[in-house]
C-alpha atoms as a PDB file:
ATOM      1  CA  MET A   1     -20.508  -1.101  -2.540  1.00  0.00           C
ATOM      2  CA  THR A   2     -20.787   0.660   0.641  1.00  0.00           C
ATOM      3  CA  LEU A   3     -18.326   0.676   3.602  1.00  0.00           C
ATOM      4  CA  THR A   4     -18.836   2.229   6.896  1.00  0.00           C
ATOM      5  CA  GLY A   5     -18.084   1.860  10.372  1.00  0.00           C
ATOM      6  CA  ASP A   6     -15.185  -0.453  11.981  1.00  0.00           C
ATOM      7  CA  ALA A   7     -12.764  -1.417   9.246  1.00  0.00           C
ATOM      8  CA  LEU A   8      -9.215  -2.036   9.118  1.00  0.00           C
ATOM      9  CA  ARG A   9      -6.266   0.493   7.171  1.00  0.00           C
ATOM     10  CA  LEU A  10      -3.731  -1.798   5.887  1.00  0.00           C
ATOM     11  CA  GLN A  11      -0.487   0.302   5.017  1.00  0.00           C
ATOM     12  CA  ILE A  12       2.886  -0.873   3.149  1.00  0.00           C
ATOM     13  CA  PHE A  13       5.978   1.066   3.087  1.00  0.00           C
ATOM     14  CA  VAL A  14       7.953  -0.138   0.129  1.00  0.00           C
ATOM     15  CA  GLY A  15      11.123   1.100  -1.956  1.00  0.00           C
ATOM     16  CA  GLU A  16       9.904   3.195  -5.153  1.00  0.00           C
ATOM     17  CA  ASP A  17      12.440   0.819  -6.922  1.00  0.00           C
ATOM     18  CA  ASP A  18      11.555  -2.580  -5.488  1.00  0.00           C
ATOM     19  CA  ILE A  19      10.525  -4.745  -8.577  1.00  0.00           C
ATOM     20  CA  TRP A  20       8.310  -7.893  -8.617  1.00  0.00           C
ATOM     21  CA  HIS A  21       8.445  -9.915 -11.960  1.00  0.00           C
ATOM     22  CA  HIS A  22       9.884  -6.742 -13.697  1.00  0.00           C
ATOM     23  CA  LYS A  23       7.478  -4.332 -12.746  1.00  0.00           C
ATOM     24  CA  PRO A  24       6.824  -1.874  -9.677  1.00  0.00           C
ATOM     25  CA  LEU A  25       6.329  -3.921  -6.946  1.00  0.00           C
ATOM     26  CA  TYR A  26       3.422  -1.017  -5.785  1.00  0.00           C
ATOM     27  CA  HIS A  27       1.696  -1.491  -9.227  1.00  0.00           C
ATOM     28  CA  GLU A  28       1.327  -5.737  -8.096  1.00  0.00           C
ATOM     29  CA  ILE A  29       0.142  -5.077  -4.648  1.00  0.00           C
ATOM     30  CA  VAL A  30      -2.687  -2.655  -5.981  1.00  0.00           C
ATOM     31  CA  ARG A  31      -3.229  -5.002  -8.953  1.00  0.00           C
ATOM     32  CA  ARG A  32      -3.814  -7.899  -6.305  1.00  0.00           C
ATOM     33  CA  ALA A  33      -5.807  -5.823  -4.102  1.00  0.00           C
ATOM     34  CA  ARG A  34      -8.306  -5.330  -7.299  1.00  0.00           C
ATOM     35  CA  GLU A  35      -8.344  -9.091  -8.124  1.00  0.00           C
ATOM     36  CA  ALA A  36      -9.480  -9.526  -4.559  1.00  0.00           C
ATOM     37  CA  GLY A  37     -12.480  -7.079  -4.831  1.00  0.00           C
ATOM     38  CA  LEU A  38     -10.927  -4.862  -2.090  1.00  0.00           C
ATOM     39  CA  ALA A  39     -12.820  -1.658  -1.098  1.00  0.00           C
ATOM     40  CA  GLY A  40      -9.483   0.270  -2.999  1.00  0.00           C
ATOM     41  CA  ALA A  41      -6.196   1.316  -2.754  1.00  0.00           C
ATOM     42  CA  THR A  42      -4.079   4.352  -2.742  1.00  0.00           C
ATOM     43  CA  VAL A  43      -0.643   4.482  -3.655  1.00  0.00           C
ATOM     44  CA  LEU A  44       1.671   7.292  -2.226  1.00  0.00           C
ATOM     45  CA  ARG A  45       4.978   8.412  -2.952  1.00  0.00           C
ATOM     46  CA  GLY A  46       7.318  10.241   0.072  1.00  0.00           C
ATOM     47  CA  CYS A  47       9.728  12.735  -0.884  1.00  0.00           C
ATOM     48  CA  GLU A  48      12.328  11.636   1.794  1.00  0.00           C
ATOM     49  CA  GLY A  49      12.651   8.642   4.272  1.00  0.00           C
ATOM     50  CA  TYR A  50      14.994   5.998   5.478  1.00  0.00           C
ATOM     51  CA  GLY A  51      14.211   2.026   6.556  1.00  0.00           C
ATOM     52  CA  ASN A  52      15.748  -0.231   8.290  1.00  0.00           C
ATOM     53  CA  HIS A  53      18.991  -0.096   6.552  1.00  0.00           C
ATOM     54  CA  SER A  54      18.996   3.734   7.768  1.00  0.00           C
ATOM     55  CA  ILE A  55      19.990   5.064   4.100  1.00  0.00           C
ATOM     56  CA  VAL A  56      18.286   8.747   3.562  1.00  0.00           C
ATOM     57  CA  HIS A  57      16.320   8.817   0.036  1.00  0.00           C
ATOM     58  CA  THR A  58      15.125  12.094  -0.848  1.00  0.00           C
ATOM     59  CA  THR A  59      13.938  14.152  -3.772  1.00  0.00           C
ATOM     60  CA  ARG A  60      16.401  17.316  -2.576  1.00  0.00           C
ATOM     61  CA  LEU A  61      19.489  15.878  -4.518  1.00  0.00           C
ATOM     62  CA  LEU A  62      19.420  14.891  -7.773  1.00  0.00           C
ATOM     63  CA  ASP A  63      21.890  11.735  -6.953  1.00  0.00           C
ATOM     64  CA  MET A  64      20.046  10.413  -3.935  1.00  0.00           C
ATOM     65  CA  ALA A  65      16.237  10.390  -5.745  1.00  0.00           C
ATOM     66  CA  GLY A  66      16.571   6.741  -6.221  1.00  0.00           C
ATOM     67  CA  ASP A  67      14.333   4.559  -4.561  1.00  0.00           C
ATOM     68  CA  LEU A  68      12.029   7.423  -2.719  1.00  0.00           C
ATOM     69  CA  PRO A  69       9.565   5.611  -0.041  1.00  0.00           C
ATOM     70  CA  VAL A  70       6.146   4.168  -0.779  1.00  0.00           C
ATOM     71  CA  VAL A  71       3.298   3.419   1.214  1.00  0.00           C
ATOM     72  CA  VAL A  72       0.728   1.665  -0.445  1.00  0.00           C
ATOM     73  CA  ILE A  73      -2.910   2.354   1.393  1.00  0.00           C
ATOM     74  CA  ILE A  74      -5.964  -0.160   1.600  1.00  0.00           C
ATOM     75  CA  VAL A  75      -8.851   0.042   3.747  1.00  0.00           C
ATOM     76  CA  ASP A  76     -11.489  -2.499   3.934  1.00  0.00           C
ATOM     77  CA  ALA A  77     -13.673  -4.888   6.583  1.00  0.00           C
ATOM     78  CA  GLU A  78     -11.039  -6.618   8.777  1.00  0.00           C
ATOM     79  CA  ASP A  79     -12.132 -10.055   7.273  1.00  0.00           C
ATOM     80  CA  ARG A  80     -11.069  -8.913   3.879  1.00  0.00           C
ATOM     81  CA  ILE A  81      -7.498  -7.445   4.290  1.00  0.00           C
ATOM     82  CA  ARG A  82      -6.837 -10.499   6.658  1.00  0.00           C
ATOM     83  CA  GLU A  83      -7.754 -12.179   3.538  1.00  0.00           C
ATOM     84  CA  PHE A  84      -5.544 -10.508   1.661  1.00  0.00           C
ATOM     85  CA  LEU A  85      -2.370 -10.440   3.968  1.00  0.00           C
ATOM     86  CA  PRO A  86      -0.595 -14.406   2.985  1.00  0.00           C
ATOM     87  CA  HIS A  87      -0.139 -12.114  -0.596  1.00  0.00           C
ATOM     88  CA  LEU A  88       1.513  -9.865   1.146  1.00  0.00           C
ATOM     89  CA  ASP A  89       3.753 -12.444   2.797  1.00  0.00           C
ATOM     90  CA  GLU A  90       4.818 -13.415  -1.006  1.00  0.00           C
ATOM     91  CA  LEU A  91       5.587 -10.031  -2.099  1.00  0.00           C
ATOM     92  CA  VAL A  92       7.006  -8.069   0.521  1.00  0.00           C
ATOM     93  CA  CYS A  93      10.516  -9.020   1.299  1.00  0.00           C
ATOM     94  CA  ASP A  94      12.151  -5.463   2.513  1.00  0.00           C
ATOM     95  CA  GLY A  95       9.304  -3.110   3.915  1.00  0.00           C
ATOM     96  CA  THR A  96       6.913  -2.663   6.723  1.00  0.00           C
ATOM     97  CA  ILE A  97       3.525  -3.624   6.690  1.00  0.00           C
ATOM     98  CA  LEU A  98       0.825  -1.895   9.454  1.00  0.00           C
ATOM     99  CA  LEU A  99      -2.726  -3.059  10.716  1.00  0.00           C
ATOM    100  CA  ASP A 100      -4.965  -0.547  12.431  1.00  0.00           C
ATOM    101  CA  ALA A 101      -8.516  -0.083  13.525  1.00  0.00           C
ATOM    102  CA  VAL A 102     -10.362   3.005  11.345  1.00  0.00           C
ATOM    103  CA  GLU A 103     -13.677   3.874  11.292  1.00  0.00           C
ATOM    104  CA  VAL A 104     -15.172   4.542   7.738  1.00  0.00           C
ATOM    105  CA  ILE A 105     -17.622   7.696   8.066  1.00  0.00           C
ATOM    106  CA  HIS A 106     -18.049   7.549   4.352  1.00  0.00           C
ATOM    107  CA  TYR A 107     -17.559   5.420   1.517  1.00  0.00           C
ATOM    108  CA  ARG A 108     -19.486   5.045  -1.555  1.00  0.00           C
ATOM    109  CA  ALA A 109     -18.776   3.923  -5.038  1.00  0.00           C
ATOM    110  CA  LYS A 110     -19.895   5.504  -7.883  1.00  0.00           C
ATOM    111  CA  THR A 111     -22.373   2.716 -10.174  1.00  0.00           C
ATOM    112  CA  PRO A 112     -20.962   3.148 -13.489  1.00  0.00           C
ATOM    113  CA  SER A 113     -23.070   4.963 -16.000  1.00  0.00           C
END
């Protein structure tokens, strides 16, 4: 699969402790993105942040190291990203979802050997 040119970047900001059916929410988002055939997904764990509750979560203090920010980033063609959005309506109750236009310069998937 190749992907170049105009695309959308989907970023989903949730908490590390957010759960979907006894598993991390970010794991379910990645699973569904894969099932939907999206180009790829990456989960990044933040070392510090706060959200709509204004509670700072940080790795610097052991007693506050829970529920760190997590962002799932997915880039694909606009139509494929927009088809995926209804999954997020079901999954993300507390978090932020962003879409922005990007230009993909290089994306090539290796063919399995």
